[in-house]
C-alpha atoms as a PDB file:
ATOM      1  CA  MET A   1     -48.364  57.274 -45.768  1.00  0.00           C
ATOM      2  CA  LEU A   2     -45.991  54.308 -45.997  1.00  0.00           C
ATOM      3  CA  GLY A   3     -48.934  51.921 -46.099  1.00  0.00           C
ATOM      4  CA  LEU A   4     -50.176  53.066 -42.672  1.00  0.00           C
ATOM      5  CA  SER A   5     -53.518  54.569 -41.808  1.00  0.00           C
ATOM      6  CA  ARG A   6     -53.697  58.027 -40.202  1.00  0.00           C
ATOM      7  CA  ARG A   7     -55.227  56.367 -37.171  1.00  0.00           C
ATOM      8  CA  THR A   8     -52.194  54.093 -36.769  1.00  0.00           C
ATOM      9  CA  VAL A   9     -49.759  56.986 -37.121  1.00  0.00           C
ATOM     10  CA  PHE A  10     -51.545  59.097 -34.502  1.00  0.00           C
ATOM     11  CA  ARG A  11     -51.858  56.120 -32.133  1.00  0.00           C
ATOM     12  CA  ASP A  12     -48.126  55.465 -32.464  1.00  0.00           C
ATOM     13  CA  LEU A  13     -47.316  59.149 -31.884  1.00  0.00           C
ATOM     14  CA  LYS A  14     -49.459  59.105 -28.747  1.00  0.00           C
ATOM     15  CA  ASP A  15     -47.652  55.988 -27.489  1.00  0.00           C
ATOM     16  CA  LEU A  16     -44.250  57.573 -28.157  1.00  0.00           C
ATOM     17  CA  GLN A  17     -45.271  60.700 -26.254  1.00  0.00           C
ATOM     18  CA  LYS A  18     -46.572  58.624 -23.316  1.00  0.00           C
ATOM     19  CA  ALA A  19     -43.169  56.899 -23.231  1.00  0.00           C
ATOM     20  CA  GLY A  20     -41.496  60.295 -22.900  1.00  0.00           C
ATOM     21  CA  VAL A  21     -40.290  60.667 -26.483  1.00  0.00           C
ATOM     22  CA  PRO A  22     -40.439  64.358 -27.460  1.00  0.00           C
ATOM     23  CA  CYS A  23     -42.372  64.428 -30.762  1.00  0.00           C
ATOM     24  CA  HIS A  24     -42.783  67.861 -32.324  1.00  0.00           C
ATOM     25  CA  TYR A  25     -45.055  68.896 -35.189  1.00  0.00           C
ATOM     26  CA  ASN A  26     -43.524  71.135 -37.877  1.00  0.00           C
ATOM     27  CA  LYS A  27     -46.243  73.297 -39.457  1.00  0.00           C
ATOM     28  CA  GLU A  28     -44.015  74.245 -42.398  1.00  0.00           C
ATOM     29  CA  THR A  29     -43.414  70.662 -43.527  1.00  0.00           C
ATOM     30  CA  GLY A  30     -46.553  69.082 -42.069  1.00  0.00           C
ATOM     31  CA  SER A  31     -44.439  66.410 -40.403  1.00  0.00           C
ATOM     32  CA  TYR A  32     -43.432  65.211 -36.970  1.00  0.00           C
ATOM     33  CA  THR A  33     -39.849  65.053 -35.774  1.00  0.00           C
ATOM     34  CA  ILE A  34     -37.976  63.669 -32.809  1.00  0.00           C
ATOM     35  CA  ASN A  35     -34.956  65.519 -31.477  1.00  0.00           C
ATOM     36  CA  PRO A  36     -31.957  63.609 -32.912  1.00  0.00           C
ATOM     37  CA  ASN A  37     -30.135  64.050 -29.574  1.00  0.00           C
ATOM     38  CA  PHE A  38     -32.906  62.319 -27.613  1.00  0.00           C
ATOM     39  CA  ILE A  39     -31.958  58.951 -26.127  1.00  0.00           C
ATOM     40  CA  LEU A  40     -34.349  56.641 -24.310  1.00  0.00           C
ATOM     41  CA  PRO A  41     -33.037  55.639 -20.894  1.00  0.00           C
ATOM     42  CA  ALA A  42     -31.765  52.091 -20.669  1.00  0.00           C
ATOM     43  CA  PRO A  43     -34.303  49.678 -19.193  1.00  0.00           C
ATOM     44  CA  SER A  44     -33.522  48.376 -15.732  1.00  0.00           C
ATOM     45  CA  LEU A  45     -33.592  44.641 -16.270  1.00  0.00           C
ATOM     46  CA  SER A  46     -32.237  41.863 -14.126  1.00  0.00           C
ATOM     47  CA  THR A  47     -29.710  39.495 -15.685  1.00  0.00           C
ATOM     48  CA  GLN A  48     -32.468  36.868 -15.984  1.00  0.00           C
ATOM     49  CA  GLU A  49     -34.790  39.307 -17.777  1.00  0.00           C
ATOM     50  CA  ALA A  50     -32.044  40.458 -20.132  1.00  0.00           C
ATOM     51  CA  LEU A  51     -31.188  36.880 -21.083  1.00  0.00           C
ATOM     52  CA  GLY A  52     -34.830  35.740 -21.219  1.00  0.00           C
END
């Protein structure tokens, strides 16, 4: 699996889902997908934070 352990993949999927990324499992292909129209909201950073 691209040199990653199953544990790493599932941990990353969990983190994506906690961040609000809609991950869906496809039983036919045995894979996860993310809606290609999904866009993460822009972070609200101050000018200092953005330049930091």
